[in-house]
All heavy atoms as atom14 arrays in JSON, in Angstrom:
{
  "sequence": "AKGFVGKNLCAAFKNIRDQKDKTRPGLSIDEIFEYDLDTAPERLDE",
  "atom14_mask": [
    [1, 1, 1, 1, 1, 0, 0, 0, 0, 0, 0, 0, 0, 0],
    [1, 1, 1, 1, 1, 1, 1, 1, 1, 0, 0, 0, 0, 0],
    [1, 1, 1, 1, 0, 0, 0, 0, 0, 0, 0, 0, 0, 0],
    [1, 1, 1, 1, 1, 1, 1, 1, 1, 1, 1, 0, 0, 0],
    [1, 1, 1, 1, 1, 1, 1, 0, 0, 0, 0, 0, 0, 0],
    [1, 1, 1, 1, 0, 0, 0, 0, 0, 0, 0, 0, 0, 0],
    [1, 1, 1, 1, 1, 1, 1, 1, 1, 0, 0, 0, 0, 0],
    [1, 1, 1, 1, 1, 1, 1, 1, 0, 0, 0, 0, 0, 0],
    [1, 1, 1, 1, 1, 1, 1, 1, 0, 0, 0, 0, 0, 0],
    [1, 1, 1, 1, 1, 1, 0, 0, 0, 0, 0, 0, 0, 0],
    [1, 1, 1, 1, 1, 0, 0, 0, 0, 0, 0, 0, 0, 0],
    [1, 1, 1, 1, 1, 0, 0, 0, 0, 0, 0, 0, 0, 0],
    [1, 1, 1, 1, 1, 1, 1, 1, 1, 1, 1, 0, 0, 0],
    [1, 1, 1, 1, 1, 1, 1, 1, 1, 0, 0, 0, 0, 0],
    [1, 1, 1, 1, 1, 1, 1, 1, 0, 0, 0, 0, 0, 0],
    [1, 1, 1, 1, 1, 1, 1, 1, 0, 0, 0, 0, 0, 0],
    [1, 1, 1, 1, 1, 1, 1, 1, 1, 1, 1, 0, 0, 0],
    [1, 1, 1, 1, 1, 1, 1, 1, 0, 0, 0, 0, 0, 0],
    [1, 1, 1, 1, 1, 1, 1, 1, 1, 0, 0, 0, 0, 0],
    [1, 1, 1, 1, 1, 1, 1, 1, 1, 0, 0, 0, 0, 0],
    [1, 1, 1, 1, 1, 1, 1, 1, 0, 0, 0, 0, 0, 0],
    [1, 1, 1, 1, 1, 1, 1, 1, 1, 0, 0, 0, 0, 0],
    [1, 1, 1, 1, 1, 1, 1, 0, 0, 0, 0, 0, 0, 0],
    [1, 1, 1, 1, 1, 1, 1, 1, 1, 1, 1, 0, 0, 0],
    [1, 1, 1, 1, 1, 1, 1, 0, 0, 0, 0, 0, 0, 0],
    [1, 1, 1, 1, 0, 0, 0, 0, 0, 0, 0, 0, 0, 0],
    [1, 1, 1, 1, 1, 1, 1, 1, 0, 0, 0, 0, 0, 0],
    [1, 1, 1, 1, 1, 1, 0, 0, 0, 0, 0, 0, 0, 0],
    [1, 1, 1, 1, 1, 1, 1, 1, 0, 0, 0, 0, 0, 0],
    [1, 1, 1, 1, 1, 1, 1, 1, 0, 0, 0, 0, 0, 0],
    [1, 1, 1, 1, 1, 1, 1, 1, 1, 0, 0, 0, 0, 0],
    [1, 1, 1, 1, 1, 1, 1, 1, 0, 0, 0, 0, 0, 0],
    [1, 1, 1, 1, 1, 1, 1, 1, 1, 1, 1, 0, 0, 0],
    [1, 1, 1, 1, 1, 1, 1, 1, 1, 0, 0, 0, 0, 0],
    [1, 1, 1, 1, 1, 1, 1, 1, 1, 1, 1, 1, 0, 0],
    [1, 1, 1, 1, 1, 1, 1, 1, 0, 0, 0, 0, 0, 0],
    [1, 1, 1, 1, 1, 1, 1, 1, 0, 0, 0, 0, 0, 0],
    [1, 1, 1, 1, 1, 1, 1, 1, 0, 0, 0, 0, 0, 0],
    [1, 1, 1, 1, 1, 1, 1, 0, 0, 0, 0, 0, 0, 0],
    [1, 1, 1, 1, 1, 0, 0, 0, 0, 0, 0, 0, 0, 0],
    [1, 1, 1, 1, 1, 1, 1, 0, 0, 0, 0, 0, 0, 0],
    [1, 1, 1, 1, 1, 1, 1, 1, 1, 0, 0, 0, 0, 0],
    [1, 1, 1, 1, 1, 1, 1, 1, 1, 1, 1, 0, 0, 0],
    [1, 1, 1, 1, 1, 1, 1, 1, 0, 0, 0, 0, 0, 0],
    [1, 1, 1, 1, 1, 1, 1, 1, 0, 0, 0, 0, 0, 0],
    [1, 1, 1, 1, 1, 1, 1, 1, 1, 0, 0, 0, 0, 0]
  ],
  "atom14_positions": [
    [[55.17, 67.1, 74.24], [54.71, 66.06, 75.18], [54.97, 66.41, 76.64], [54.33, 65.86, 77.53], [55.37, 64.73, 74.84], [0.0, 0.0, 0.0], [0.0, 0.0, 0.0], [0.0, 0.0, 0.0], [0.0, 0.0, 0.0], [0.0, 0.0, 0.0], [0.0, 0.0, 0.0], [0.0, 0.0, 0.0], [0.0, 0.0, 0.0], [0.0, 0.0, 0.0]],
    [[55.9, 67.32, 76.9], [56.22, 67.67, 78.28], [55.48, 68.93, 78.76], [55.69, 69.36, 79.89], [57.73, 67.84, 78.44], [58.5, 66.53, 78.29], [59.98, 66.72, 78.57], [60.72, 65.4, 78.44], [62.19, 65.57, 78.71], [0.0, 0.0, 0.0], [0.0, 0.0, 0.0], [0.0, 0.0, 0.0], [0.0, 0.0, 0.0], [0.0, 0.0, 0.0]],
    [[54.65, 69.49, 77.91], [53.86, 70.64, 78.3], [52.65, 70.21, 79.12], [52.4, 69.02, 79.36], [0.0, 0.0, 0.0], [0.0, 0.0, 0.0], [0.0, 0.0, 0.0], [0.0, 0.0, 0.0], [0.0, 0.0, 0.0], [0.0, 0.0, 0.0], [0.0, 0.0, 0.0], [0.0, 0.0, 0.0], [0.0, 0.0, 0.0], [0.0, 0.0, 0.0]],
    [[51.87, 71.2, 79.52], [50.68, 70.96, 80.35], [49.73, 69.96, 79.7], [49.38, 68.93, 80.27], [50.01, 72.29, 80.64], [48.62, 72.19, 81.19], [48.32, 71.36, 82.24], [47.6, 72.97, 80.65], [47.04, 71.28, 82.77], [46.3, 72.9, 81.16], [46.03, 72.05, 82.21], [0.0, 0.0, 0.0], [0.0, 0.0, 0.0], [0.0, 0.0, 0.0]],
    [[49.31, 70.25, 78.47], [48.37, 69.36, 77.78], [49.05, 68.05, 77.45], [48.47, 66.96, 77.62], [47.83, 70.03, 76.51], [46.93, 69.06, 75.74], [47.04, 71.29, 76.86], [0.0, 0.0, 0.0], [0.0, 0.0, 0.0], [0.0, 0.0, 0.0], [0.0, 0.0, 0.0], [0.0, 0.0, 0.0], [0.0, 0.0, 0.0], [0.0, 0.0, 0.0]],
    [[50.3, 68.13, 76.99], [51.01, 66.92, 76.59], [51.16, 65.92, 77.72], [50.96, 64.71, 77.51], [0.0, 0.0, 0.0], [0.0, 0.0, 0.0], [0.0, 0.0, 0.0], [0.0, 0.0, 0.0], [0.0, 0.0, 0.0], [0.0, 0.0, 0.0], [0.0, 0.0, 0.0], [0.0, 0.0, 0.0], [0.0, 0.0, 0.0], [0.0, 0.0, 0.0]],
    [[51.51, 66.38, 78.91], [51.68, 65.47, 80.05], [50.36, 64.77, 80.4], [50.34, 63.55, 80.67], [52.21, 66.23, 81.27], [53.69, 66.59, 81.18], [54.23, 67.09, 82.49], [53.68, 68.45, 82.86], [54.32, 69.0, 84.1], [0.0, 0.0, 0.0], [0.0, 0.0, 0.0], [0.0, 0.0, 0.0], [0.0, 0.0, 0.0], [0.0, 0.0, 0.0]],
    [[49.27, 65.53, 80.4], [47.97, 64.94, 80.72], [47.53, 63.98, 79.65], [46.98, 62.9, 79.94], [46.94, 66.04, 80.94], [47.0, 66.67, 82.3], [46.39, 66.19, 83.26], [47.74, 67.77, 82.42], [0.0, 0.0, 0.0], [0.0, 0.0, 0.0], [0.0, 0.0, 0.0], [0.0, 0.0, 0.0], [0.0, 0.0, 0.0], [0.0, 0.0, 0.0]],
    [[47.74, 64.35, 78.38], [47.3, 63.49, 77.28], [48.12, 62.2, 77.23], [47.57, 61.1, 77.07], [47.4, 64.26, 75.96], [46.81, 63.58, 74.73], [45.34, 63.27, 74.95], [46.99, 64.46, 73.49], [0.0, 0.0, 0.0], [0.0, 0.0, 0.0], [0.0, 0.0, 0.0], [0.0, 0.0, 0.0], [0.0, 0.0, 0.0], [0.0, 0.0, 0.0]],
    [[49.44, 62.32, 77.4], [50.28, 61.14, 77.38], [49.95, 60.21, 78.54], [49.98, 58.98, 78.4], [51.75, 61.53, 77.41], [52.37, 62.22, 75.84], [0.0, 0.0, 0.0], [0.0, 0.0, 0.0], [0.0, 0.0, 0.0], [0.0, 0.0, 0.0], [0.0, 0.0, 0.0], [0.0, 0.0, 0.0], [0.0, 0.0, 0.0], [0.0, 0.0, 0.0]],
    [[49.62, 60.77, 79.7], [49.22, 59.94, 80.84], [47.97, 59.15, 80.52], [47.85, 57.96, 80.86], [49.01, 60.81, 82.07], [0.0, 0.0, 0.0], [0.0, 0.0, 0.0], [0.0, 0.0, 0.0], [0.0, 0.0, 0.0], [0.0, 0.0, 0.0], [0.0, 0.0, 0.0], [0.0, 0.0, 0.0], [0.0, 0.0, 0.0], [0.0, 0.0, 0.0]],
    [[47.02, 59.79, 79.82], [45.79, 59.1, 79.43], [46.08, 57.99, 78.43], [45.53, 56.88, 78.52], [44.8, 60.1, 78.84], [0.0, 0.0, 0.0], [0.0, 0.0, 0.0], [0.0, 0.0, 0.0], [0.0, 0.0, 0.0], [0.0, 0.0, 0.0], [0.0, 0.0, 0.0], [0.0, 0.0, 0.0], [0.0, 0.0, 0.0], [0.0, 0.0, 0.0]],
    [[46.95, 58.29, 77.46], [47.33, 57.27, 76.47], [47.99, 56.07, 77.13], [47.73, 54.91, 76.77], [48.27, 57.87, 75.43], [47.64, 58.86, 74.48], [48.4, 59.82, 73.84], [46.28, 58.83, 74.23], [47.82, 60.73, 72.97], [45.68, 59.74, 73.35], [46.47, 60.68, 72.73], [0.0, 0.0, 0.0], [0.0, 0.0, 0.0], [0.0, 0.0, 0.0]],
    [[48.85, 56.34, 78.1], [49.57, 55.24, 78.77], [48.62, 54.37, 79.58], [48.79, 53.16, 79.66], [50.68, 55.83, 79.66], [51.82, 56.42, 78.86], [52.81, 57.17, 79.74], [53.88, 57.86, 78.9], [54.82, 58.68, 79.72], [0.0, 0.0, 0.0], [0.0, 0.0, 0.0], [0.0, 0.0, 0.0], [0.0, 0.0, 0.0], [0.0, 0.0, 0.0]],
    [[47.61, 55.0, 80.19], [46.62, 54.22, 80.93], [45.87, 53.27, 80.02], [45.54, 52.15, 80.41], [45.66, 55.16, 81.67], [46.28, 55.75, 82.91], [47.21, 55.2, 83.5], [45.75, 56.9, 83.34], [0.0, 0.0, 0.0], [0.0, 0.0, 0.0], [0.0, 0.0, 0.0], [0.0, 0.0, 0.0], [0.0, 0.0, 0.0], [0.0, 0.0, 0.0]],
    [[45.57, 53.74, 78.82], [44.88, 52.89, 77.84], [45.84, 51.8, 77.34], [45.49, 50.61, 77.25], [44.32, 53.72, 76.68], [43.2, 54.63, 77.2], [43.8, 52.82, 75.57], [42.69, 55.61, 76.17], [0.0, 0.0, 0.0], [0.0, 0.0, 0.0], [0.0, 0.0, 0.0], [0.0, 0.0, 0.0], [0.0, 0.0, 0.0], [0.0, 0.0, 0.0]],
    [[47.06, 52.23, 76.99], [48.06, 51.26, 76.51], [48.29, 50.14, 77.51], [48.37, 48.95, 77.14], [49.36, 51.99, 76.23], [50.51, 51.1, 75.72], [51.86, 51.78, 75.87], [52.18, 52.03, 77.27], [53.2, 52.77, 77.67], [54.0, 53.37, 76.79], [53.43, 52.96, 78.98], [0.0, 0.0, 0.0], [0.0, 0.0, 0.0], [0.0, 0.0, 0.0]],
    [[48.39, 50.5, 78.78], [48.69, 49.53, 79.84], [47.44, 48.86, 80.4], [47.51, 48.15, 81.4], [49.45, 50.22, 80.96], [50.77, 50.83, 80.48], [51.28, 50.39, 79.43], [51.29, 51.75, 81.16], [0.0, 0.0, 0.0], [0.0, 0.0, 0.0], [0.0, 0.0, 0.0], [0.0, 0.0, 0.0], [0.0, 0.0, 0.0], [0.0, 0.0, 0.0]],
    [[46.3, 49.14, 79.79], [45.0, 48.54, 80.16], [44.6, 48.88, 81.6], [43.87, 48.13, 82.24], [45.03, 47.03, 79.95], [45.24, 46.63, 78.5], [45.11, 45.13, 78.25], [44.87, 44.36, 79.17], [45.23, 44.72, 77.0], [0.0, 0.0, 0.0], [0.0, 0.0, 0.0], [0.0, 0.0, 0.0], [0.0, 0.0, 0.0], [0.0, 0.0, 0.0]],
    [[45.06, 50.04, 82.07], [44.56, 50.55, 83.36], [43.25, 51.27, 83.16], [42.42, 51.34, 84.08], [45.59, 51.49, 83.96], [46.94, 50.84, 84.29], [47.94, 51.87, 84.77], [49.3, 51.25, 85.04], [50.3, 52.27, 85.46], [0.0, 0.0, 0.0], [0.0, 0.0, 0.0], [0.0, 0.0, 0.0], [0.0, 0.0, 0.0], [0.0, 0.0, 0.0]],
    [[43.06, 51.82, 81.99], [41.8, 52.47, 81.6], [41.13, 51.6, 80.55], [41.62, 51.47, 79.44], [42.08, 53.87, 81.03], [40.81, 54.6, 80.63], [39.72, 53.98, 80.65], [40.9, 55.79, 80.26], [0.0, 0.0, 0.0], [0.0, 0.0, 0.0], [0.0, 0.0, 0.0], [0.0, 0.0, 0.0], [0.0, 0.0, 0.0], [0.0, 0.0, 0.0]],
    [[40.0, 51.0, 80.93], [39.29, 50.1, 80.03], [37.95, 50.69, 79.58], [37.06, 49.96, 79.17], [39.09, 48.75, 80.71], [40.38, 48.06, 81.09], [40.16, 46.71, 81.76], [41.48, 46.06, 82.12], [41.27, 44.72, 82.77], [0.0, 0.0, 0.0], [0.0, 0.0, 0.0], [0.0, 0.0, 0.0], [0.0, 0.0, 0.0], [0.0, 0.0, 0.0]],
    [[37.84, 52.02, 79.64], [36.58, 52.66, 79.29], [36.41, 52.83, 77.78], [35.33, 53.2, 77.34], [36.47, 54.04, 79.95], [37.56, 54.89, 79.5], [36.56, 53.92, 81.48], [0.0, 0.0, 0.0], [0.0, 0.0, 0.0], [0.0, 0.0, 0.0], [0.0, 0.0, 0.0], [0.0, 0.0, 0.0], [0.0, 0.0, 0.0], [0.0, 0.0, 0.0]],
    [[37.47, 52.59, 77.04], [37.38, 52.68, 75.57], [37.89, 51.38, 74.95], [39.01, 51.31, 74.45], [38.19, 53.89, 75.05], [37.58, 55.22, 75.53], [38.31, 56.41, 74.99], [37.74, 57.64, 75.51], [37.01, 58.49, 74.81], [36.73, 58.24, 73.53], [36.53, 59.59, 75.36], [0.0, 0.0, 0.0], [0.0, 0.0, 0.0], [0.0, 0.0, 0.0]],
    [[37.05, 50.36, 75.0], [37.49, 49.03, 74.56], [37.86, 48.95, 73.08], [38.62, 48.06, 72.69], [36.27, 48.14, 74.88], [35.11, 49.08, 74.93], [35.66, 50.35, 75.48], [0.0, 0.0, 0.0], [0.0, 0.0, 0.0], [0.0, 0.0, 0.0], [0.0, 0.0, 0.0], [0.0, 0.0, 0.0], [0.0, 0.0, 0.0], [0.0, 0.0, 0.0]],
    [[37.36, 49.87, 72.28], [37.68, 49.85, 70.86], [38.98, 50.52, 70.52], [39.4, 50.53, 69.35], [0.0, 0.0, 0.0], [0.0, 0.0, 0.0], [0.0, 0.0, 0.0], [0.0, 0.0, 0.0], [0.0, 0.0, 0.0], [0.0, 0.0, 0.0], [0.0, 0.0, 0.0], [0.0, 0.0, 0.0], [0.0, 0.0, 0.0], [0.0, 0.0, 0.0]],
    [[39.66, 51.08, 71.52], [40.89, 51.83, 71.28], [42.09, 51.03, 71.77], [42.19, 50.65, 72.94], [40.82, 53.17, 72.02], [41.83, 54.26, 71.65], [41.78, 54.57, 70.17], [41.53, 55.52, 72.46], [0.0, 0.0, 0.0], [0.0, 0.0, 0.0], [0.0, 0.0, 0.0], [0.0, 0.0, 0.0], [0.0, 0.0, 0.0], [0.0, 0.0, 0.0]],
    [[43.02, 50.77, 70.86], [44.24, 50.01, 71.2], [45.45, 50.87, 70.89], [45.64, 51.31, 69.76], [44.29, 48.71, 70.4], [45.48, 48.02, 70.67], [0.0, 0.0, 0.0], [0.0, 0.0, 0.0], [0.0, 0.0, 0.0], [0.0, 0.0, 0.0], [0.0, 0.0, 0.0], [0.0, 0.0, 0.0], [0.0, 0.0, 0.0], [0.0, 0.0, 0.0]],
    [[46.26, 51.13, 71.91], [47.46, 51.96, 71.75], [48.68, 51.08, 72.03], [48.81, 50.51, 73.1], [47.42, 53.17, 72.7], [46.23, 54.06, 72.35], [48.73, 53.96, 72.62], [46.05, 55.24, 73.3], [0.0, 0.0, 0.0], [0.0, 0.0, 0.0], [0.0, 0.0, 0.0], [0.0, 0.0, 0.0], [0.0, 0.0, 0.0], [0.0, 0.0, 0.0]],
    [[49.58, 51.02, 71.06], [50.77, 50.19, 71.19], [51.99, 51.0, 71.63], [52.73, 50.59, 72.51], [51.09, 49.5, 69.86], [49.91, 48.66, 69.35], [49.4, 47.83, 70.15], [49.5, 48.84, 68.2], [0.0, 0.0, 0.0], [0.0, 0.0, 0.0], [0.0, 0.0, 0.0], [0.0, 0.0, 0.0], [0.0, 0.0, 0.0], [0.0, 0.0, 0.0]],
    [[52.19, 52.15, 70.97], [53.36, 52.97, 71.27], [52.98, 54.45, 71.3], [52.09, 54.89, 70.6], [54.46, 52.77, 70.23], [55.12, 51.42, 70.26], [56.32, 51.35, 69.31], [57.36, 51.96, 69.63], [56.18, 50.72, 68.24], [0.0, 0.0, 0.0], [0.0, 0.0, 0.0], [0.0, 0.0, 0.0], [0.0, 0.0, 0.0], [0.0, 0.0, 0.0]],
    [[53.68, 55.19, 72.19], [53.48, 56.63, 72.3], [54.84, 57.29, 72.09], [55.77, 57.08, 72.87], [52.92, 57.02, 73.69], [51.63, 56.24, 73.97], [52.67, 58.52, 73.78], [51.3, 56.1, 75.43], [0.0, 0.0, 0.0], [0.0, 0.0, 0.0], [0.0, 0.0, 0.0], [0.0, 0.0, 0.0], [0.0, 0.0, 0.0], [0.0, 0.0, 0.0]],
    [[54.96, 58.06, 71.03], [56.21, 58.76, 70.73], [56.11, 60.18, 71.29], [55.32, 60.99, 70.8], [56.46, 58.82, 69.22], [56.44, 57.46, 68.55], [55.67, 57.26, 67.42], [57.19, 56.4, 69.05], [55.65, 56.02, 66.78], [57.17, 55.16, 68.42], [56.4, 54.96, 67.3], [0.0, 0.0, 0.0], [0.0, 0.0, 0.0], [0.0, 0.0, 0.0]],
    [[56.9, 60.45, 72.32], [56.85, 61.75, 72.98], [58.0, 62.64, 72.44], [59.18, 62.31, 72.64], [56.97, 61.59, 74.49], [55.85, 60.73, 75.09], [55.95, 60.62, 76.6], [56.26, 61.62, 77.26], [55.7, 59.49, 77.1], [0.0, 0.0, 0.0], [0.0, 0.0, 0.0], [0.0, 0.0, 0.0], [0.0, 0.0, 0.0], [0.0, 0.0, 0.0]],
    [[57.61, 63.73, 71.79], [58.61, 64.64, 71.19], [58.5, 66.0, 71.85], [57.42, 66.58, 71.98], [58.35, 64.77, 69.68], [59.48, 65.46, 68.94], [60.51, 64.72, 68.38], [59.52, 66.84, 68.82], [61.56, 65.35, 67.7], [60.55, 67.49, 68.14], [61.58, 66.72, 67.59], [62.61, 67.36, 66.92], [0.0, 0.0, 0.0], [0.0, 0.0, 0.0]],
    [[59.67, 66.52, 72.3], [59.69, 67.82, 72.96], [61.01, 68.52, 72.63], [61.82, 68.01, 71.85], [59.48, 67.68, 74.46], [58.73, 68.87, 75.05], [59.36, 69.93, 75.23], [57.52, 68.74, 75.31], [0.0, 0.0, 0.0], [0.0, 0.0, 0.0], [0.0, 0.0, 0.0], [0.0, 0.0, 0.0], [0.0, 0.0, 0.0], [0.0, 0.0, 0.0]],
    [[61.26, 69.65, 73.26], [62.44, 70.46, 72.95], [63.74, 69.69, 73.16], [64.72, 69.93, 72.44], [62.44, 71.73, 73.81], [61.41, 72.8, 73.46], [61.42, 73.9, 74.51], [61.69, 73.37, 72.07], [0.0, 0.0, 0.0], [0.0, 0.0, 0.0], [0.0, 0.0, 0.0], [0.0, 0.0, 0.0], [0.0, 0.0, 0.0], [0.0, 0.0, 0.0]],
    [[63.78, 68.79, 74.13], [65.0, 68.07, 74.42], [65.13, 66.74, 73.69], [66.05, 65.97, 73.95], [65.15, 67.86, 75.93], [64.0, 67.07, 76.53], [63.02, 66.78, 75.79], [64.05, 66.75, 77.74], [0.0, 0.0, 0.0], [0.0, 0.0, 0.0], [0.0, 0.0, 0.0], [0.0, 0.0, 0.0], [0.0, 0.0, 0.0], [0.0, 0.0, 0.0]],
    [[64.2, 66.48, 72.78], [64.25, 65.24, 72.0], [65.25, 65.41, 70.85], [65.29, 66.47, 70.21], [62.87, 64.89, 71.44], [61.91, 64.86, 72.5], [62.89, 63.51, 70.75], [0.0, 0.0, 0.0], [0.0, 0.0, 0.0], [0.0, 0.0, 0.0], [0.0, 0.0, 0.0], [0.0, 0.0, 0.0], [0.0, 0.0, 0.0], [0.0, 0.0, 0.0]],
    [[66.02, 64.39, 70.6], [66.97, 64.44, 69.47], [66.22, 64.7, 68.18], [65.25, 63.99, 67.88], [67.74, 63.12, 69.39], [0.0, 0.0, 0.0], [0.0, 0.0, 0.0], [0.0, 0.0, 0.0], [0.0, 0.0, 0.0], [0.0, 0.0, 0.0], [0.0, 0.0, 0.0], [0.0, 0.0, 0.0], [0.0, 0.0, 0.0], [0.0, 0.0, 0.0]],
    [[66.61, 65.7, 67.4], [65.87, 66.07, 66.17], [65.63, 64.92, 65.21], [64.59, 64.84, 64.55], [66.75, 67.16, 65.55], [67.5, 67.73, 66.7], [67.75, 66.6, 67.63], [0.0, 0.0, 0.0], [0.0, 0.0, 0.0], [0.0, 0.0, 0.0], [0.0, 0.0, 0.0], [0.0, 0.0, 0.0], [0.0, 0.0, 0.0], [0.0, 0.0, 0.0]],
    [[66.6, 64.0, 65.13], [66.45, 62.89, 64.18], [65.3, 61.97, 64.55], [64.83, 61.19, 63.72], [67.75, 62.09, 64.08], [68.24, 61.48, 65.37], [69.22, 62.39, 66.14], [69.21, 63.63, 65.86], [69.96, 61.87, 66.98], [0.0, 0.0, 0.0], [0.0, 0.0, 0.0], [0.0, 0.0, 0.0], [0.0, 0.0, 0.0], [0.0, 0.0, 0.0]],
    [[64.85, 62.05, 65.79], [63.71, 61.23, 66.2], [62.43, 61.62, 65.46], [61.52, 60.78, 65.29], [63.47, 61.37, 67.71], [64.54, 60.73, 68.58], [64.48, 59.23, 68.5], [65.35, 58.6, 69.48], [65.56, 57.3, 69.55], [64.96, 56.5, 68.7], [66.38, 56.8, 70.45], [0.0, 0.0, 0.0], [0.0, 0.0, 0.0], [0.0, 0.0, 0.0]],
    [[62.35, 62.87, 65.02], [61.14, 63.3, 64.34], [60.91, 62.5, 63.08], [59.77, 62.12, 62.78], [61.23, 64.8, 64.01], [59.94, 65.42, 63.47], [58.81, 65.31, 64.51], [60.15, 66.89, 63.09], [0.0, 0.0, 0.0], [0.0, 0.0, 0.0], [0.0, 0.0, 0.0], [0.0, 0.0, 0.0], [0.0, 0.0, 0.0], [0.0, 0.0, 0.0]],
    [[61.97, 62.21, 62.32], [61.83, 61.38, 61.11], [61.34, 59.99, 61.47], [60.43, 59.46, 60.83], [63.19, 61.27, 60.4], [63.5, 62.5, 59.57], [62.93, 62.64, 58.47], [64.28, 63.35, 60.03], [0.0, 0.0, 0.0], [0.0, 0.0, 0.0], [0.0, 0.0, 0.0], [0.0, 0.0, 0.0], [0.0, 0.0, 0.0], [0.0, 0.0, 0.0]],
    [[61.92, 59.41, 62.52], [61.53, 58.07, 62.93], [60.06, 58.03, 63.37], [59.3, 57.14, 62.95], [62.42, 57.62, 64.1], [62.02, 56.28, 64.69], [62.77, 55.99, 65.99], [63.78, 56.67, 66.27], [62.32, 55.09, 66.74], [0.0, 0.0, 0.0], [0.0, 0.0, 0.0], [0.0, 0.0, 0.0], [0.0, 0.0, 0.0], [0.0, 0.0, 0.0]]
  ]
}
């Protein structure tokens, strides 16, 4: 999630989640789980 593609993609997801981007009315995003090298390994199971 902290890589080049990940940062851009997560930013797009957050805009939709927060209803800043309303160009995809059929898409509803509630939570975004960002996993990267510094994420606690046990988070992957969750």
